N, C-alpha and C. Protein backbone atom coordinates (compact mmCIF):
# COMPACT_ATOMS: atom_id res chain seq x y z
N MET A 1 -113.32 106.53 5.17
CA MET A 1 -114.41 105.83 4.88
C MET A 1 -114.44 104.75 6.06
N GLU A 2 -115.60 104.79 6.60
CA GLU A 2 -115.96 103.88 7.83
C GLU A 2 -116.39 102.57 7.33
N PRO A 3 -115.93 101.59 7.99
CA PRO A 3 -116.35 100.25 7.62
C PRO A 3 -117.96 100.14 7.91
N GLN A 4 -118.49 99.48 6.93
CA GLN A 4 -119.93 99.36 7.01
C GLN A 4 -120.37 98.17 7.68
N ASN A 5 -119.77 97.15 7.81
CA ASN A 5 -120.13 96.08 8.53
C ASN A 5 -118.89 95.46 9.33
N LEU A 6 -119.26 94.52 10.06
CA LEU A 6 -117.99 93.93 10.91
C LEU A 6 -116.99 93.18 10.16
N SER A 7 -117.39 92.37 9.02
CA SER A 7 -116.49 91.71 8.14
C SER A 7 -115.36 92.60 7.44
N ASP A 8 -115.83 93.86 6.99
CA ASP A 8 -114.99 94.86 6.57
C ASP A 8 -114.05 95.36 7.47
N PHE A 9 -114.50 95.55 8.71
CA PHE A 9 -113.64 96.00 9.71
C PHE A 9 -112.56 94.95 9.91
N LEU A 10 -112.92 93.75 10.18
CA LEU A 10 -112.00 92.87 10.36
C LEU A 10 -110.83 92.74 9.36
N ARG A 11 -111.42 92.86 8.14
CA ARG A 11 -110.21 92.90 7.03
C ARG A 11 -109.33 93.96 7.12
N GLN A 12 -109.72 95.04 7.40
CA GLN A 12 -108.88 96.23 7.58
C GLN A 12 -108.05 96.04 8.64
N GLU A 13 -108.38 95.44 9.83
CA GLU A 13 -107.48 95.24 10.92
C GLU A 13 -106.45 94.37 10.59
N LEU A 14 -106.80 93.27 9.74
CA LEU A 14 -105.82 92.33 9.46
C LEU A 14 -104.91 92.89 8.49
N ALA A 15 -105.31 93.73 7.67
CA ALA A 15 -104.40 94.33 6.53
C ALA A 15 -103.39 95.24 7.23
N LYS A 16 -103.86 95.85 8.43
CA LYS A 16 -103.04 96.54 9.14
C LYS A 16 -102.04 95.94 9.72
N GLN A 17 -102.28 94.71 10.31
CA GLN A 17 -101.30 93.82 10.87
C GLN A 17 -100.44 93.13 9.95
N GLY A 18 -100.86 93.12 8.79
CA GLY A 18 -99.85 92.51 7.65
C GLY A 18 -100.14 90.98 7.71
N GLN A 19 -101.19 90.46 8.43
CA GLN A 19 -101.36 88.97 8.40
C GLN A 19 -102.62 88.61 7.60
N ALA A 20 -102.42 87.63 6.76
CA ALA A 20 -103.57 87.09 6.18
C ALA A 20 -104.35 86.23 6.98
N PRO A 21 -105.56 85.92 7.04
CA PRO A 21 -106.33 85.10 7.62
C PRO A 21 -105.94 83.86 7.23
N ARG A 22 -105.80 82.85 8.37
CA ARG A 22 -105.37 81.43 7.94
C ARG A 22 -106.46 80.58 8.46
N LYS A 23 -106.86 79.96 7.43
CA LYS A 23 -108.13 79.14 7.56
C LYS A 23 -107.48 77.68 7.27
N ARG A 24 -107.99 76.79 8.20
CA ARG A 24 -107.73 75.39 8.14
C ARG A 24 -108.50 74.75 6.93
N SER A 25 -107.80 73.87 6.24
CA SER A 25 -108.49 73.36 5.34
C SER A 25 -109.54 72.22 5.70
N ARG A 26 -110.61 71.95 5.20
CA ARG A 26 -111.42 71.15 5.73
C ARG A 26 -111.14 69.54 5.61
N HIS A 27 -109.97 69.18 4.48
CA HIS A 27 -109.52 68.07 4.31
C HIS A 27 -108.34 67.63 5.20
N GLN A 28 -107.94 68.51 6.08
CA GLN A 28 -106.63 68.21 6.95
C GLN A 28 -107.23 68.07 8.22
N PRO A 29 -107.24 66.87 8.88
CA PRO A 29 -107.58 66.74 10.09
C PRO A 29 -106.60 67.19 11.16
N THR A 30 -106.96 67.27 12.31
CA THR A 30 -105.98 67.74 13.37
C THR A 30 -105.26 66.40 13.89
N LYS A 31 -104.25 66.62 14.69
CA LYS A 31 -103.49 65.57 15.16
C LYS A 31 -104.32 64.75 16.14
N ALA A 32 -105.15 65.33 16.90
CA ALA A 32 -106.12 64.65 17.99
C ALA A 32 -107.06 63.68 17.21
N GLU A 33 -107.56 64.49 16.22
CA GLU A 33 -108.50 63.72 15.37
C GLU A 33 -107.87 62.36 14.65
N LEU A 34 -106.68 62.56 14.15
CA LEU A 34 -105.96 61.38 13.43
C LEU A 34 -105.55 60.21 14.68
N GLU A 35 -105.15 60.79 15.74
CA GLU A 35 -104.91 59.84 16.86
C GLU A 35 -106.27 59.06 17.29
N GLN A 36 -107.35 59.82 17.37
CA GLN A 36 -108.66 59.15 17.76
C GLN A 36 -109.03 58.28 16.58
N GLU A 37 -108.92 58.62 15.27
CA GLU A 37 -109.19 57.66 14.20
C GLU A 37 -108.36 56.48 14.23
N LEU A 38 -107.00 56.65 14.72
CA LEU A 38 -106.04 55.49 14.77
C LEU A 38 -106.41 54.64 15.78
N ALA A 39 -106.84 55.16 16.94
CA ALA A 39 -107.34 54.30 18.08
C ALA A 39 -108.65 53.49 17.71
N THR A 40 -109.36 54.10 17.08
CA THR A 40 -110.67 53.39 16.58
C THR A 40 -110.28 52.33 15.51
N LEU A 41 -109.40 52.59 14.69
CA LEU A 41 -108.95 51.54 13.74
C LEU A 41 -108.13 50.34 14.36
N LYS A 42 -107.42 50.80 15.32
CA LYS A 42 -106.81 49.65 16.11
C LYS A 42 -107.55 48.90 16.92
N ALA A 43 -108.75 49.29 17.42
CA ALA A 43 -109.63 48.75 18.12
C ALA A 43 -110.51 47.81 17.14
N ALA A 44 -110.84 48.35 15.86
CA ALA A 44 -111.55 47.62 14.99
C ALA A 44 -110.58 46.41 14.36
N LEU A 45 -109.37 46.66 14.41
CA LEU A 45 -108.44 45.68 13.89
C LEU A 45 -108.33 44.48 14.70
N ALA A 46 -108.24 44.97 16.07
CA ALA A 46 -108.24 43.96 17.27
C ALA A 46 -109.50 43.02 17.26
N ALA A 47 -110.57 43.63 17.11
CA ALA A 47 -111.97 42.92 17.14
C ALA A 47 -112.02 41.96 15.88
N VAL A 48 -111.59 42.41 14.65
CA VAL A 48 -111.47 41.62 13.53
C VAL A 48 -110.51 40.34 13.79
N GLU A 49 -109.46 40.61 14.31
CA GLU A 49 -108.50 39.49 14.52
C GLU A 49 -108.98 38.53 15.70
N ALA A 50 -109.71 39.08 16.59
CA ALA A 50 -110.24 38.04 17.64
C ALA A 50 -111.24 37.27 16.90
N GLU A 51 -112.09 37.89 16.08
CA GLU A 51 -113.14 37.14 15.23
C GLU A 51 -112.51 36.07 14.41
N LYS A 52 -111.44 36.56 13.82
CA LYS A 52 -110.76 35.56 12.89
C LYS A 52 -110.13 34.58 13.75
N THR A 53 -109.62 34.61 14.83
CA THR A 53 -109.13 33.60 15.71
C THR A 53 -110.38 32.56 16.01
N ALA A 54 -111.31 33.32 16.47
CA ALA A 54 -112.50 32.35 16.95
C ALA A 54 -112.97 31.64 15.50
N GLN A 55 -113.09 32.26 14.64
CA GLN A 55 -113.66 31.39 13.20
C GLN A 55 -112.51 30.36 12.89
N SER A 56 -111.36 30.61 13.11
CA SER A 56 -110.33 29.81 12.78
C SER A 56 -110.51 28.55 13.49
N ALA A 57 -110.64 28.77 14.87
CA ALA A 57 -111.05 27.56 15.87
C ALA A 57 -112.20 26.77 15.59
N GLN A 58 -113.21 27.65 14.93
CA GLN A 58 -114.57 26.91 14.85
C GLN A 58 -114.29 26.03 13.54
N ILE A 59 -113.37 26.52 12.58
CA ILE A 59 -113.07 25.90 11.23
C ILE A 59 -112.39 24.61 11.49
N GLU A 60 -111.34 24.78 12.43
CA GLU A 60 -110.76 23.50 12.89
C GLU A 60 -111.48 22.53 13.49
N GLN A 61 -112.38 22.98 14.28
CA GLN A 61 -113.29 21.93 15.02
C GLN A 61 -114.44 21.26 13.87
N LEU A 62 -114.70 22.09 13.02
CA LEU A 62 -115.55 21.56 12.08
C LEU A 62 -114.91 20.62 11.19
N GLN A 63 -113.47 20.91 10.82
CA GLN A 63 -112.73 19.90 10.06
C GLN A 63 -112.53 18.78 10.57
N GLN A 64 -112.36 18.87 12.02
CA GLN A 64 -111.97 17.57 12.84
C GLN A 64 -113.45 16.58 12.90
N GLU A 65 -114.61 17.28 13.12
CA GLU A 65 -115.78 16.73 13.12
C GLU A 65 -116.13 16.07 11.54
N LEU A 66 -115.77 16.68 10.60
CA LEU A 66 -115.94 16.24 9.17
C LEU A 66 -115.15 15.06 9.07
N GLN A 67 -113.81 14.94 9.60
CA GLN A 67 -112.77 13.84 9.45
C GLN A 67 -113.46 12.60 10.27
N ARG A 68 -114.27 12.93 11.33
CA ARG A 68 -114.74 11.95 12.13
C ARG A 68 -115.87 11.11 11.40
N TRP A 69 -116.64 12.03 10.70
CA TRP A 69 -117.87 11.53 9.98
C TRP A 69 -117.27 10.81 8.82
N ARG A 70 -116.27 11.37 8.09
CA ARG A 70 -115.61 10.62 6.98
C ARG A 70 -115.08 9.12 7.55
N ASP A 71 -114.53 9.06 8.57
CA ASP A 71 -114.10 7.79 9.23
C ASP A 71 -115.19 7.06 9.52
N ARG A 72 -116.16 7.42 10.11
CA ARG A 72 -117.32 6.74 10.49
C ARG A 72 -118.03 6.13 9.20
N ALA A 73 -118.10 6.87 8.22
CA ALA A 73 -118.69 6.51 6.72
C ALA A 73 -117.86 5.20 6.29
N GLN A 74 -116.53 5.59 6.27
CA GLN A 74 -115.74 4.52 5.83
C GLN A 74 -115.83 3.16 6.55
N ALA A 75 -115.91 3.33 7.93
CA ALA A 75 -116.17 2.06 8.62
C ALA A 75 -117.44 1.41 8.37
N LEU A 76 -118.54 2.09 8.16
CA LEU A 76 -119.75 1.62 7.67
C LEU A 76 -119.89 1.11 6.42
N GLU A 77 -118.95 1.57 5.50
CA GLU A 77 -118.86 1.05 4.13
C GLU A 77 -118.24 -0.26 4.15
N THR A 78 -117.16 -0.24 5.04
CA THR A 78 -116.48 -1.63 5.13
C THR A 78 -117.29 -2.75 5.63
N ASP A 79 -117.95 -2.34 6.78
CA ASP A 79 -118.99 -3.13 7.41
C ASP A 79 -120.16 -3.66 6.53
N LEU A 80 -120.56 -2.74 5.74
CA LEU A 80 -121.47 -3.13 4.53
C LEU A 80 -121.06 -4.08 3.67
N GLN A 81 -119.76 -3.87 3.10
CA GLN A 81 -119.12 -5.01 2.23
C GLN A 81 -119.01 -6.24 2.82
N GLU A 82 -118.55 -6.28 4.11
CA GLU A 82 -118.57 -7.59 4.75
C GLU A 82 -119.86 -8.28 4.90
N LEU A 83 -120.86 -7.47 5.27
CA LEU A 83 -122.27 -8.13 5.48
C LEU A 83 -122.70 -8.51 4.20
N GLN A 84 -122.53 -7.79 3.04
CA GLN A 84 -122.87 -8.24 1.73
C GLN A 84 -122.32 -9.57 1.37
N THR A 85 -121.05 -9.79 1.75
CA THR A 85 -120.19 -10.85 1.38
C THR A 85 -120.74 -12.18 2.21
N ARG A 86 -121.07 -11.86 3.56
CA ARG A 86 -121.74 -12.76 4.36
C ARG A 86 -123.06 -13.08 3.77
N HIS A 87 -123.72 -12.31 3.25
CA HIS A 87 -125.14 -12.47 3.00
C HIS A 87 -125.21 -13.31 1.60
N GLN A 88 -124.22 -13.21 0.75
CA GLN A 88 -124.11 -13.89 -0.35
C GLN A 88 -123.73 -15.38 -0.14
N ALA A 89 -122.80 -15.47 0.94
CA ALA A 89 -122.33 -16.87 1.39
C ALA A 89 -123.49 -17.57 2.00
N LEU A 90 -124.34 -16.97 2.85
CA LEU A 90 -125.45 -17.45 3.43
C LEU A 90 -126.60 -17.82 2.32
N GLU A 91 -126.66 -17.16 1.38
CA GLU A 91 -127.76 -17.30 0.50
C GLU A 91 -127.26 -18.53 -0.25
N ALA A 92 -126.04 -18.58 -0.59
CA ALA A 92 -125.62 -19.91 -1.29
C ALA A 92 -125.82 -20.93 -0.47
N GLU A 93 -125.38 -20.84 0.74
CA GLU A 93 -125.68 -22.06 1.65
C GLU A 93 -127.21 -22.50 1.70
N PHE A 94 -128.06 -21.38 1.96
CA PHE A 94 -129.37 -21.68 1.72
C PHE A 94 -129.96 -22.28 0.57
N GLU A 95 -129.46 -21.92 -0.59
CA GLU A 95 -130.00 -22.66 -1.73
C GLU A 95 -129.41 -23.95 -1.91
N GLU A 96 -128.31 -24.35 -1.28
CA GLU A 96 -127.86 -25.68 -1.30
C GLU A 96 -128.62 -26.53 -0.30
N ALA A 97 -128.98 -25.94 0.74
CA ALA A 97 -129.84 -26.71 1.80
C ALA A 97 -131.13 -27.00 1.11
N LYS A 98 -131.70 -26.09 0.45
CA LYS A 98 -133.08 -26.14 -0.32
C LYS A 98 -132.83 -27.40 -1.32
N ALA A 99 -131.91 -27.29 -2.05
CA ALA A 99 -131.64 -28.48 -2.88
C ALA A 99 -131.63 -29.80 -2.21
N VAL A 100 -130.99 -29.95 -1.02
CA VAL A 100 -130.71 -30.98 -0.36
C VAL A 100 -132.20 -31.56 0.12
N ILE A 101 -132.88 -30.48 0.65
CA ILE A 101 -134.26 -30.76 1.19
C ILE A 101 -135.12 -31.23 -0.09
N ARG A 102 -135.07 -30.69 -1.17
CA ARG A 102 -135.81 -31.06 -2.28
C ARG A 102 -135.52 -32.54 -2.59
N GLN A 103 -134.28 -32.81 -2.72
CA GLN A 103 -133.79 -34.22 -2.90
C GLN A 103 -134.38 -35.25 -2.13
N LEU A 104 -134.38 -34.98 -0.70
CA LEU A 104 -134.70 -35.84 0.43
C LEU A 104 -136.50 -35.99 0.27
N THR A 105 -137.00 -34.94 -0.15
CA THR A 105 -138.44 -34.99 0.01
C THR A 105 -139.04 -35.61 -1.35
N VAL A 106 -138.41 -35.58 -2.46
CA VAL A 106 -138.81 -36.36 -3.67
C VAL A 106 -139.38 -37.90 -3.22
N PRO A 107 -140.68 -38.15 -3.47
CA PRO A 107 -141.13 -39.26 -3.21
C PRO A 107 -140.46 -40.49 -3.92
N GLN A 108 -140.16 -41.25 -3.28
CA GLN A 108 -139.51 -42.49 -4.00
C GLN A 108 -140.33 -43.79 -3.95
N PRO A 109 -140.41 -44.51 -4.87
CA PRO A 109 -141.31 -45.63 -4.74
C PRO A 109 -140.83 -46.68 -3.87
N TYR A 110 -141.60 -47.11 -2.88
CA TYR A 110 -141.26 -48.10 -1.95
C TYR A 110 -141.16 -49.47 -2.56
N ARG A 111 -139.97 -49.96 -2.42
CA ARG A 111 -139.88 -51.36 -2.72
C ARG A 111 -139.66 -52.32 -1.54
N PHE A 112 -140.36 -53.39 -1.53
CA PHE A 112 -140.12 -54.36 -0.44
C PHE A 112 -138.83 -55.03 -0.38
N GLU A 113 -138.23 -55.02 -1.76
CA GLU A 113 -136.88 -55.65 -1.77
C GLU A 113 -135.83 -54.82 -0.91
N ASP A 114 -136.00 -53.49 -0.72
CA ASP A 114 -135.24 -52.80 -0.14
C ASP A 114 -134.86 -53.17 1.46
N VAL A 115 -136.17 -53.56 1.88
CA VAL A 115 -136.09 -54.13 3.41
C VAL A 115 -136.05 -55.55 3.36
N GLY A 116 -135.93 -56.28 2.52
CA GLY A 116 -135.76 -57.86 2.60
C GLY A 116 -137.14 -58.67 2.32
N PHE A 117 -138.01 -58.10 1.87
CA PHE A 117 -139.21 -59.00 1.43
C PHE A 117 -139.40 -59.04 -0.09
N LYS A 118 -139.91 -60.15 -0.21
CA LYS A 118 -140.17 -60.34 -1.79
C LYS A 118 -141.74 -60.53 -2.03
N PRO A 119 -142.31 -59.39 -2.39
CA PRO A 119 -143.87 -59.16 -2.51
C PRO A 119 -144.11 -60.06 -3.94
N LEU A 120 -145.42 -60.26 -3.95
CA LEU A 120 -145.98 -60.88 -5.17
C LEU A 120 -146.19 -59.88 -6.23
N VAL A 121 -146.44 -58.70 -5.81
CA VAL A 121 -146.39 -57.64 -6.74
C VAL A 121 -145.49 -56.80 -6.50
N ASN A 122 -144.92 -56.25 -7.32
CA ASN A 122 -143.56 -55.15 -7.21
C ASN A 122 -144.10 -53.69 -7.16
N GLU A 123 -145.36 -53.43 -7.08
CA GLU A 123 -145.91 -52.14 -7.15
C GLU A 123 -147.09 -51.87 -6.02
N ILE A 124 -147.22 -50.80 -5.45
CA ILE A 124 -148.14 -50.49 -4.64
C ILE A 124 -149.44 -50.29 -5.32
N PRO A 125 -150.52 -50.90 -5.08
CA PRO A 125 -151.74 -50.94 -5.93
C PRO A 125 -152.32 -49.31 -5.61
N THR A 126 -152.78 -48.68 -6.63
CA THR A 126 -153.23 -47.35 -6.64
C THR A 126 -154.66 -47.40 -7.11
N PRO A 127 -155.69 -46.83 -6.56
CA PRO A 127 -156.90 -46.76 -7.09
C PRO A 127 -157.18 -46.25 -8.47
N ASN A 128 -157.97 -47.04 -9.21
CA ASN A 128 -158.15 -46.53 -10.44
C ASN A 128 -159.30 -45.38 -10.58
N PRO A 129 -159.08 -44.37 -10.91
CA PRO A 129 -159.79 -43.00 -11.01
C PRO A 129 -161.06 -43.28 -11.83
N ASN A 130 -161.01 -44.03 -12.97
CA ASN A 130 -162.10 -44.26 -13.82
C ASN A 130 -163.31 -45.23 -13.11
N THR A 131 -162.94 -45.94 -12.17
CA THR A 131 -164.18 -46.77 -11.66
C THR A 131 -164.82 -45.93 -10.68
N SER A 132 -166.22 -46.25 -10.61
CA SER A 132 -167.08 -45.51 -9.80
C SER A 132 -167.07 -46.02 -8.44
N PRO A 133 -167.18 -45.00 -7.58
CA PRO A 133 -167.34 -45.76 -6.23
C PRO A 133 -168.66 -46.64 -5.80
N LEU A 134 -168.38 -47.50 -5.02
CA LEU A 134 -169.67 -48.28 -4.65
C LEU A 134 -170.70 -47.53 -3.85
N GLY A 135 -171.77 -47.51 -4.01
CA GLY A 135 -172.94 -46.96 -3.42
C GLY A 135 -173.18 -47.79 -2.11
N ASP A 136 -174.35 -47.11 -1.32
CA ASP A 136 -174.84 -47.86 -0.23
C ASP A 136 -175.42 -49.27 -0.52
N ALA A 137 -176.02 -49.42 -1.70
CA ALA A 137 -176.92 -50.60 -2.04
C ALA A 137 -175.86 -51.59 -2.40
N GLU A 138 -174.79 -51.22 -2.91
CA GLU A 138 -173.71 -52.26 -3.38
C GLU A 138 -172.94 -52.81 -2.22
N MET A 139 -172.75 -51.96 -1.26
CA MET A 139 -172.07 -52.36 -0.15
C MET A 139 -173.03 -53.17 1.01
N GLY A 140 -174.36 -53.08 0.73
CA GLY A 140 -175.22 -53.94 1.58
C GLY A 140 -175.83 -52.98 2.57
N TRP A 141 -175.92 -51.86 2.40
CA TRP A 141 -176.60 -50.87 3.38
C TRP A 141 -177.89 -50.58 2.92
N PHE A 142 -178.99 -50.70 3.65
CA PHE A 142 -180.35 -50.35 3.43
C PHE A 142 -180.93 -49.72 4.36
N ASP A 143 -181.70 -48.77 4.03
CA ASP A 143 -182.48 -48.05 5.01
C ASP A 143 -183.70 -48.58 5.34
């Protein structure tokens, strides 16, 4: 019986030699492929470690900057408390000054005895609002 196609012919030849065809499994990579994948993974790991180092440095820098801002905020808070205390003290002093000014500007009746004179009348005369003012005719003005 003649082989009808090439694949039948190859099977017969292999059977004569006593060897079964060896096929590589698709799931088993070669040593070269494994070495190449290992090199790729090592490069990726090195890149990730470099990025991690850069990010760690950046995190450290940001933490230092954050601490500076916290210190500045604390200093400003302390300054604000000092200013509020000073403001309250100045406000109290201002109120005291206003009270003294009010005391000094209260009209005091003028007494001649205070300066050494003995007037006939002890009061300063004030005009009577109920009296009518003098007109031109009463003063002697004529047109």
